[in-house]
Amino acid sequence: MTFTTLEDAGKFYKNYAKTAGFSTRVRSTNRKENEIKNQLITCSREGKWKSKISPTEKANPTAVLNYPARIYIHTLKDVGAWIISKVVLNHSHPCYPKNNEEADIKPSKTYQSFVAAAGGHRELNFIEKDVKNYITREVRNLELEEDQSIKLAFWADARSRAAFEYFKDVISFDTTYNTNRYNLVCGSFVGVNHHDQSTLLGCSLMKNEEIESFKWLFQCWLRCMGGNAPKGFLTDQCASMKRALEACMPTTIHHWCIWHIMKKIPSKLNGYKGHAEIEQEMSQVVWNSHSKDSFDRNWNDFLLNFGLVDNKTARLIQFVKQYDNCLGSREQAERESNTADFHTMIPCVTKSSIEAQFQDVYTHQKFREVQAQFRGEANCITRLTNSALGYSVYKVGEQVSSSIFNKFEVTYDSVAA
């Protein structure tokens, strides 16, 4: 690939980088008799740097990493042009392309790129206007009452559909909030991205929460998302919502959201003496039971201790038995921005190659969780108790204080692994 000037070649790579989701810098320039002979342009994160501060003490570490993406530009003296002689496209970090508006890429430029790739206008079955409409389009569905008031409304845009492609495994649908002015139920489809941040995948307004209303809404949302149902769907305990989901997404696993379940606990226990203690103990059972068997055992002990075995109101087991199916929702209110991932790296706290692998592929939020496990490993005593037919059973004791141990039983399936 040749260019008239060095600046044209650099601008070409810069525009490519903007589209791909990374930034560039001039790494080196070689001259001979004050004339530039060649130039190396790399990803701005290229290089090596190591902090002198201990990894465990550095709260917000920053590093430039050894990433290979680059181009080499050489002059062709005989013809007075510049050529890109070598291109390395690989990145060992994720790139985050901006949308067209943020990257200052107009629909006309997008269309011209299609023309170039296809080999001419005649090879395309769409025109520039079609590209503009596709990029900027929004999906709106509206159903009105006879008096022209809103009965049902659904809205999503291209950003929501793009996010769904990456974060569609488990979706939460929430109708907690009402709009005050028009007394409509506001619903939101929410996913979780790789930073543990909530990402909006669609909104709705509904005049009622009947089965047919939810069916209409879920069908609109599915059409918007290309007919691809998520693997899991979290909701509150609304019976109409449950029936509508079964009809519209029969292959999707439906779970109740633990946050909604626990939110109802205080109103159920207010009539009991010492309800604050009961509520605290119940929270301990729900959040600190690490398996179905341990939850069942702890729950039965809880009912016996507080004399609630025969009380129908207190028997929330039909709700909290969903505990092991909806653990993911407990972090719903704790998602926190972690946008510094692209430009920083958290140093490893051990020399483990496993930790280094997590450091390379995980976001900061998830890697911090991994590091906590590596630190906690030092406080664990592990003992093999049984091994047969590819299964190994370990007893693990985690020391949390000088005299208190948390005890766990871990089964490892070497065949499945």
Protein backbone atom coordinates (compact mmCIF):
# COMPACT_ATOMS: atom_id res chain seq x y z
CA MET A 1 0.00 0.00 0.00
CA THR A 2 1.56 3.30 -1.12
CA PHE A 3 0.93 6.93 -0.17
CA THR A 4 1.98 10.28 -1.57
CA THR A 5 3.28 11.60 1.77
CA LEU A 6 4.32 10.22 5.16
CA GLU A 7 1.49 12.22 6.74
CA ASP A 8 -1.06 10.43 4.55
CA ALA A 9 0.23 7.04 5.67
CA GLY A 10 0.13 8.06 9.34
CA LYS A 11 -3.39 9.47 8.95
CA PHE A 12 -4.54 6.22 7.33
CA TYR A 13 -3.33 4.15 10.30
CA LYS A 14 -4.77 6.64 12.79
CA ASN A 15 -8.20 6.39 11.17
CA TYR A 16 -7.99 2.61 11.21
CA ALA A 17 -7.04 2.64 14.91
CA LYS A 18 -9.96 4.93 15.75
CA THR A 19 -12.36 2.53 14.09
CA ALA A 20 -10.78 -0.54 15.72
CA GLY A 21 -10.81 1.03 19.18
CA PHE A 22 -7.23 1.94 20.09
CA SER A 23 -4.93 4.95 19.84
CA THR A 24 -1.51 5.29 18.19
CA ARG A 25 1.83 7.05 18.66
CA VAL A 26 5.03 7.46 16.64
CA ARG A 27 7.50 5.05 18.21
CA SER A 28 10.60 5.97 16.23
CA THR A 29 11.70 7.93 13.16
CA ASN A 30 14.94 7.31 11.27
CA ARG A 31 16.58 10.12 9.30
CA LYS A 32 19.49 10.43 6.92
CA GLU A 33 20.86 13.88 6.18
CA ASN A 34 17.75 15.43 7.75
CA GLU A 35 15.45 13.42 5.51
CA ILE A 36 13.06 10.86 7.02
CA LYS A 37 13.73 7.37 5.67
CA ASN A 38 11.29 5.28 7.72
CA GLN A 39 8.93 5.51 10.65
CA LEU A 40 7.43 3.08 13.18
CA ILE A 41 3.89 3.76 14.46
CA THR A 42 2.54 1.57 17.26
CA CYS A 43 -0.41 1.11 19.57
CA SER A 44 -0.13 3.76 22.29
CA ARG A 45 0.04 1.01 24.92
CA GLU A 46 3.20 -0.49 23.41
CA GLY A 47 6.31 -0.67 25.59
CA LYS A 48 7.35 -1.99 28.97
CA TRP A 49 7.21 -0.34 32.37
CA LYS A 50 7.43 -1.71 35.87
CA SER A 51 6.42 0.13 39.01
CA LYS A 52 8.94 0.40 41.84
CA ILE A 53 6.07 0.40 44.32
CA SER A 54 4.99 -2.92 45.79
CA PRO A 55 1.97 -4.34 43.88
CA THR A 56 0.10 -4.83 47.15
CA GLU A 57 0.61 -1.19 48.15
CA LYS A 58 -0.19 0.50 44.84
CA ALA A 59 -3.90 1.38 44.93
CA ASN A 60 -4.34 2.57 41.35
CA PRO A 61 -1.47 1.07 39.35
CA THR A 62 -0.71 2.21 35.83
CA ALA A 63 1.38 0.40 33.28
CA VAL A 64 2.27 0.49 29.61
CA LEU A 65 2.22 -3.02 28.22
CA ASN A 66 4.19 -4.88 25.58
CA TYR A 67 1.60 -5.00 22.78
CA PRO A 68 2.81 -5.70 19.22
CA ALA A 69 0.28 -3.80 17.02
CA ARG A 70 2.28 -1.54 14.66
CA ILE A 71 3.08 -0.50 11.10
CA TYR A 72 6.42 0.21 9.39
CA ILE A 73 6.49 3.00 6.79
CA HIS A 74 9.40 3.35 4.32
CA THR A 75 10.15 5.84 1.60
CA LEU A 76 10.40 4.80 -2.03
CA LYS A 77 13.06 7.23 -3.19
CA ASP A 78 12.89 6.35 -6.86
CA VAL A 79 9.16 7.07 -7.17
CA GLY A 80 8.77 9.71 -4.47
CA ALA A 81 6.17 7.78 -2.48
CA TRP A 82 5.76 6.03 0.89
CA ILE A 83 4.91 2.39 1.45
CA ILE A 84 3.66 0.42 4.45
CA SER A 85 6.14 -2.43 4.39
CA LYS A 86 4.95 -4.38 7.43
CA VAL A 87 1.73 -4.53 9.45
CA VAL A 88 1.10 -6.24 12.79
CA LEU A 89 -2.59 -6.28 13.71
CA ASN A 90 -2.55 -8.45 16.84
CA HIS A 91 -3.46 -6.98 20.24
CA SER A 92 -3.17 -8.81 23.55
CA HIS A 93 -5.61 -6.33 25.11
CA PRO A 94 -9.27 -5.74 24.23
CA CYS A 95 -10.07 -2.92 21.82
CA TYR A 96 -13.22 -0.89 22.24
CA PRO A 97 -14.44 0.63 18.98
CA LYS A 98 -16.50 3.76 19.45
CA ASN A 99 -19.83 4.14 17.78
CA ASN A 100 -19.91 6.08 14.51
CA GLU A 101 -20.91 9.35 16.14
CA GLU A 102 -18.19 9.24 18.82
CA ALA A 103 -15.53 8.21 16.31
CA ASP A 104 -16.61 11.04 13.97
CA ILE A 105 -17.31 8.55 11.19
CA LYS A 106 -20.16 9.85 9.06
CA PRO A 107 -22.55 7.45 7.29
CA SER A 108 -21.06 8.58 3.97
CA LYS A 109 -17.61 7.34 5.06
CA THR A 110 -19.10 4.06 6.25
CA TYR A 111 -20.82 3.62 2.89
CA GLN A 112 -17.60 4.36 0.97
CA SER A 113 -15.80 1.69 2.98
CA PHE A 114 -18.45 -0.82 1.86
CA VAL A 115 -17.99 0.34 -1.75
CA ALA A 116 -14.22 -0.14 -1.54
CA ALA A 117 -14.55 -3.56 0.07
CA ALA A 118 -17.12 -4.75 -2.49
CA GLY A 119 -15.20 -3.41 -5.49
CA GLY A 120 -17.66 -0.77 -6.66
CA HIS A 121 -21.14 0.69 -6.24
CA ARG A 122 -22.70 -1.85 -8.56
CA GLU A 123 -21.66 -4.70 -6.28
CA LEU A 124 -23.84 -3.40 -3.42
CA ASN A 125 -27.59 -3.94 -3.09
CA PHE A 126 -28.11 -0.83 -0.92
CA ILE A 127 -27.44 2.90 -1.13
CA GLU A 128 -25.90 5.46 1.22
CA LYS A 129 -29.32 6.44 2.62
CA ASP A 130 -29.91 2.83 3.71
CA VAL A 131 -26.66 2.92 5.70
CA LYS A 132 -27.67 6.15 7.43
CA ASN A 133 -31.10 4.77 8.31
CA TYR A 134 -29.59 1.56 9.71
CA ILE A 135 -27.00 3.32 11.88
CA THR A 136 -29.42 5.83 13.38
CA ARG A 137 -32.59 3.77 13.52
CA GLU A 138 -34.47 3.20 16.72
CA VAL A 139 -37.11 0.58 17.40
CA ARG A 140 -40.39 1.95 18.71
CA ASN A 141 -43.60 0.03 19.24
CA LEU A 142 -46.73 1.72 20.54
CA GLU A 143 -50.25 0.57 21.35
CA LEU A 144 -52.91 3.14 22.29
CA GLU A 145 -56.22 3.02 24.10
CA GLU A 146 -59.43 4.25 22.42
CA ASP A 147 -58.92 7.70 23.98
CA GLN A 148 -55.42 7.78 22.39
CA SER A 149 -53.67 7.39 25.76
CA ILE A 150 -50.69 5.04 25.97
CA LYS A 151 -51.52 1.42 26.69
CA LEU A 152 -48.18 -0.17 25.82
CA ALA A 153 -44.91 1.30 24.57
CA PHE A 154 -41.50 -0.21 23.85
CA TRP A 155 -38.27 1.51 22.82
CA ALA A 156 -34.69 0.45 22.06
CA ASP A 157 -31.91 1.76 19.85
CA ALA A 158 -28.95 0.40 17.91
CA ARG A 159 -26.65 0.64 20.95
CA SER A 160 -28.95 -1.63 22.93
CA ARG A 161 -29.03 -4.20 20.15
CA ALA A 162 -25.24 -4.08 19.79
CA ALA A 163 -24.75 -4.55 23.55
CA PHE A 164 -27.15 -7.52 23.55
CA GLU A 165 -24.92 -9.35 21.09
CA TYR A 166 -22.16 -9.44 23.72
CA PHE A 167 -24.06 -9.50 27.03
CA LYS A 168 -27.14 -11.63 26.32
CA ASP A 169 -26.57 -14.61 28.60
CA VAL A 170 -28.69 -13.39 31.53
CA ILE A 171 -31.14 -10.48 31.42
CA SER A 172 -32.97 -8.78 34.27
CA PHE A 173 -36.40 -7.24 33.77
CA ASP A 174 -37.58 -4.79 36.42
CA THR A 175 -40.94 -3.02 36.83
CA THR A 176 -40.25 -1.57 40.27
CA TYR A 177 -40.85 2.05 39.31
CA ASN A 178 -44.01 3.84 38.22
CA THR A 179 -44.16 7.17 36.40
CA ASN A 180 -45.98 9.62 38.65
CA ARG A 181 -47.58 11.89 36.08
CA TYR A 182 -49.31 9.31 33.89
CA ASN A 183 -49.46 6.36 36.33
CA LEU A 184 -47.72 4.01 33.91
CA VAL A 185 -45.48 1.10 34.86
CA CYS A 186 -41.90 1.64 33.70
CA GLY A 187 -40.04 -1.52 32.76
CA SER A 188 -36.38 -1.94 31.85
CA PHE A 189 -34.40 -4.78 30.25
CA VAL A 190 -30.94 -4.77 31.82
CA GLY A 191 -27.80 -6.82 31.14
CA VAL A 192 -24.39 -6.80 32.80
CA ASN A 193 -21.24 -6.05 30.83
CA HIS A 194 -17.69 -7.25 31.43
CA HIS A 195 -17.07 -4.46 33.95
CA ASP A 196 -20.04 -5.55 36.11
CA GLN A 197 -21.85 -2.44 34.90
CA SER A 198 -25.55 -2.37 34.09
CA THR A 199 -26.29 -1.90 30.40
CA LEU A 200 -29.75 -0.91 29.20
CA LEU A 201 -31.22 -3.23 26.57
CA GLY A 202 -34.67 -1.70 26.18
CA CYS A 203 -37.40 0.26 28.00
CA SER A 204 -41.17 0.00 28.25
CA LEU A 205 -44.26 1.74 29.56
CA MET A 206 -47.36 -0.28 30.47
CA LYS A 207 -50.79 0.71 31.69
CA ASN A 208 -51.24 -2.64 33.47
CA GLU A 209 -49.29 -5.77 34.36
CA GLU A 210 -51.53 -8.39 32.79
CA ILE A 211 -50.31 -11.50 30.97
CA GLU A 212 -51.20 -10.17 27.52
CA SER A 213 -49.36 -6.91 28.19
CA PHE A 214 -46.18 -8.77 29.11
CA LYS A 215 -46.57 -11.06 26.08
CA TRP A 216 -46.80 -8.04 23.78
CA LEU A 217 -43.74 -6.48 25.39
CA PHE A 218 -41.55 -9.61 25.38
CA GLN A 219 -42.42 -10.31 21.73
CA CYS A 220 -41.46 -6.74 20.76
CA TRP A 221 -38.18 -7.05 22.64
CA LEU A 222 -37.34 -10.42 21.07
CA ARG A 223 -37.99 -9.10 17.55
CA CYS A 224 -35.74 -6.13 18.29
CA MET A 225 -32.95 -8.45 19.45
CA GLY A 226 -33.12 -10.57 16.31
CA GLY A 227 -35.27 -13.31 17.83
CA ASN A 228 -32.46 -14.48 20.12
CA ALA A 229 -33.77 -15.34 23.57
CA PRO A 230 -31.33 -15.07 26.52
CA LYS A 231 -30.26 -18.15 28.46
CA GLY A 232 -31.52 -16.77 31.77
CA PHE A 233 -34.12 -14.18 32.79
CA LEU A 234 -34.40 -12.58 36.25
CA THR A 235 -37.65 -11.00 37.45
CA ASP A 236 -39.62 -10.39 40.63
CA GLN A 237 -42.38 -12.81 41.73
CA CYS A 238 -45.03 -11.50 39.29
CA ALA A 239 -47.23 -14.42 38.17
CA SER A 240 -48.31 -12.66 34.96
CA MET A 241 -44.70 -12.08 34.00
CA LYS A 242 -43.90 -15.73 34.62
CA ARG A 243 -46.75 -16.93 32.37
CA ALA A 244 -45.77 -14.51 29.60
CA LEU A 245 -42.13 -15.63 29.72
CA GLU A 246 -43.13 -19.28 29.46
CA ALA A 247 -45.14 -18.46 26.34
CA CYS A 248 -42.61 -16.16 24.62
CA MET A 249 -39.28 -17.68 25.70
CA PRO A 250 -39.91 -21.38 26.43
CA THR A 251 -36.21 -22.30 26.30
CA THR A 252 -35.10 -19.52 28.66
CA ILE A 253 -34.49 -20.39 32.33
CA HIS A 254 -36.56 -18.08 34.53
CA HIS A 255 -35.36 -17.19 38.04
CA TRP A 256 -36.63 -14.87 40.74
CA CYS A 257 -34.35 -12.02 41.70
CA ILE A 258 -32.95 -12.44 45.22
CA TRP A 259 -32.90 -8.66 45.71
CA HIS A 260 -36.67 -8.47 45.28
CA ILE A 261 -37.16 -11.45 47.59
CA MET A 262 -35.10 -9.98 50.40
CA LYS A 263 -36.73 -6.57 49.98
CA LYS A 264 -40.05 -8.07 51.10
CA ILE A 265 -38.65 -9.66 54.27
CA PRO A 266 -39.12 -6.67 56.65
CA SER A 267 -42.86 -6.37 55.88
CA LYS A 268 -43.31 -10.09 56.53
CA LEU A 269 -41.56 -10.00 59.91
CA ASN A 270 -42.78 -6.71 61.42
CA GLY A 271 -45.40 -8.51 63.54
CA TYR A 272 -42.81 -10.56 65.41
CA LYS A 273 -41.07 -9.64 68.60
CA GLY A 274 -37.36 -9.31 67.90
CA HIS A 275 -37.97 -9.05 64.14
CA ALA A 276 -34.67 -7.23 63.66
CA GLU A 277 -32.75 -10.23 65.03
CA ILE A 278 -34.81 -12.60 62.87
CA GLU A 279 -34.12 -10.52 59.77
CA GLN A 280 -30.38 -10.41 60.50
CA GLU A 281 -30.19 -14.16 61.02
CA MET A 282 -32.19 -14.79 57.85
CA SER A 283 -29.75 -12.66 55.85
CA GLN A 284 -26.88 -14.72 57.24
CA VAL A 285 -28.59 -17.92 56.07
CA VAL A 286 -29.30 -16.59 52.58
CA TRP A 287 -25.97 -14.94 51.82
CA ASN A 288 -23.59 -17.32 53.64
CA SER A 289 -24.90 -20.71 52.52
CA HIS A 290 -22.56 -21.93 49.79
CA SER A 291 -24.52 -24.94 48.53
CA LYS A 292 -28.11 -26.17 48.32
CA ASP A 293 -27.56 -28.72 51.10
CA SER A 294 -26.02 -26.18 53.45
CA PHE A 295 -28.85 -23.75 52.73
CA ASP A 296 -31.52 -26.35 53.49
CA ARG A 297 -29.74 -27.29 56.72
CA ASN A 298 -29.23 -23.67 57.83
CA TRP A 299 -32.80 -22.73 56.90
CA ASN A 300 -34.30 -25.55 58.98
CA ASP A 301 -32.09 -24.58 61.93
CA PHE A 302 -33.25 -20.98 61.53
CA LEU A 303 -36.95 -21.97 61.64
CA LEU A 304 -36.39 -24.11 64.75
CA ASN A 305 -34.37 -21.47 66.59
CA PHE A 306 -37.08 -18.83 66.18
CA GLY A 307 -40.12 -21.09 66.48
CA LEU A 308 -41.28 -20.45 62.92
CA VAL A 309 -41.67 -24.03 61.69
CA ASP A 310 -45.48 -24.01 61.58
CA ASN A 311 -45.96 -20.39 60.59
CA LYS A 312 -47.16 -20.03 56.98
CA THR A 313 -46.22 -16.37 56.71
CA ALA A 314 -42.65 -17.04 57.71
CA ARG A 315 -42.31 -19.95 55.34
CA LEU A 316 -40.53 -17.96 52.66
CA ILE A 317 -38.75 -21.09 51.56
CA GLN A 318 -40.77 -21.15 48.34
CA PHE A 319 -39.01 -17.88 47.52
CA VAL A 320 -35.53 -18.32 48.92
CA LYS A 321 -35.09 -21.83 47.52
CA GLN A 322 -34.40 -19.98 44.31
CA TYR A 323 -31.27 -18.71 46.07
CA ASP A 324 -28.81 -20.98 44.32
CA ASN A 325 -30.32 -20.07 40.94
CA CYS A 326 -30.05 -16.29 41.20
CA LEU A 327 -26.82 -15.54 43.05
CA GLY A 328 -25.74 -13.33 40.17
CA SER A 329 -28.39 -10.76 40.99
CA ARG A 330 -26.99 -9.96 44.45
CA GLU A 331 -24.35 -7.75 42.85
CA GLN A 332 -27.01 -5.86 40.91
CA ALA A 333 -26.83 -2.85 43.24
CA GLU A 334 -23.03 -2.99 43.56
CA ARG A 335 -21.88 -2.55 39.96
CA GLU A 336 -19.25 0.11 39.72
CA SER A 337 -17.57 1.93 36.95
CA ASN A 338 -14.21 0.52 35.93
CA THR A 339 -13.48 2.34 32.70
CA ALA A 340 -9.76 2.64 33.43
CA ASP A 341 -9.24 -0.97 32.26
CA PHE A 342 -8.17 0.10 28.80
CA HIS A 343 -5.20 2.17 29.98
CA THR A 344 -4.09 0.48 33.20
CA MET A 345 -3.06 -2.89 34.54
CA ILE A 346 -3.32 -4.26 38.07
CA PRO A 347 -0.02 -5.98 39.01
CA CYS A 348 -0.06 -9.60 40.16
CA VAL A 349 0.35 -10.24 43.88
CA THR A 350 1.92 -13.67 43.40
CA LYS A 351 4.26 -15.33 40.91
CA SER A 352 1.54 -17.78 39.85
CA SER A 353 1.16 -18.25 36.10
CA ILE A 354 -2.56 -18.82 36.70
CA GLU A 355 -2.93 -15.36 38.22
CA ALA A 356 -1.00 -13.88 35.29
CA GLN A 357 -3.43 -15.53 32.88
CA PHE A 358 -6.40 -14.00 34.70
CA GLN A 359 -4.62 -10.65 34.66
CA ASP A 360 -4.35 -10.86 30.89
CA VAL A 361 -7.98 -11.74 30.07
CA TYR A 362 -10.11 -10.39 32.94
CA THR A 363 -11.44 -6.90 33.52
CA HIS A 364 -10.18 -5.07 36.62
CA GLN A 365 -13.35 -5.80 38.58
CA LYS A 366 -13.16 -9.55 37.99
CA PHE A 367 -9.39 -9.68 38.42
CA ARG A 368 -9.69 -8.04 41.86
CA GLU A 369 -11.99 -10.89 42.86
CA VAL A 370 -9.43 -13.40 41.62
CA GLN A 371 -6.67 -11.66 43.55
CA ALA A 372 -8.76 -11.82 46.72
CA GLN A 373 -8.94 -15.59 46.23
CA PHE A 374 -5.18 -15.81 45.79
CA ARG A 375 -4.65 -13.82 49.00
CA GLY A 376 -7.22 -15.91 50.83
CA GLU A 377 -5.54 -19.13 49.71
CA ALA A 378 -2.81 -18.46 52.25
CA ASN A 379 -5.41 -18.82 55.03
CA CYS A 380 -6.78 -22.15 53.81
CA ILE A 381 -5.87 -25.66 54.91
CA THR A 382 -6.81 -28.32 52.35
CA ARG A 383 -7.06 -32.06 52.98
CA LEU A 384 -7.94 -34.80 50.48
CA THR A 385 -10.57 -37.08 52.04
CA ASN A 386 -11.68 -39.30 49.15
CA SER A 387 -10.67 -40.06 45.58
CA ALA A 388 -12.35 -42.52 43.20
CA LEU A 389 -13.47 -42.78 39.56
CA GLY A 390 -12.10 -39.40 38.63
CA TYR A 391 -13.69 -37.62 41.59
CA SER A 392 -11.66 -36.06 44.41
CA VAL A 393 -13.25 -34.71 47.59
CA TYR A 394 -11.40 -32.13 49.67
CA LYS A 395 -12.07 -30.69 53.11
CA VAL A 396 -11.10 -27.01 53.20
CA GLY A 397 -10.72 -25.00 56.38
CA GLU A 398 -10.44 -21.23 56.02
CA GLN A 399 -9.07 -19.44 59.05
CA VAL A 400 -10.89 -16.14 59.54
CA SER A 401 -9.54 -15.42 63.03
CA SER A 402 -7.28 -17.01 65.64
CA SER A 403 -10.00 -19.47 66.70
CA ILE A 404 -12.67 -19.41 63.95
CA PHE A 405 -12.61 -21.53 60.79
CA ASN A 406 -15.06 -21.63 57.88
CA LYS A 407 -15.35 -25.22 56.69
CA PHE A 408 -16.11 -26.30 53.13
CA GLU A 409 -16.30 -29.54 51.16
CA VAL A 410 -15.10 -29.29 47.56
CA THR A 411 -15.59 -32.00 44.92
CA TYR A 412 -13.32 -31.97 41.85
CA ASP A 413 -14.39 -33.87 38.72
CA SER A 414 -11.24 -34.52 36.70
CA VAL A 415 -13.21 -36.09 33.83
CA ALA A 416 -15.39 -33.02 33.29
CA ALA A 417 -12.39 -30.71 33.68
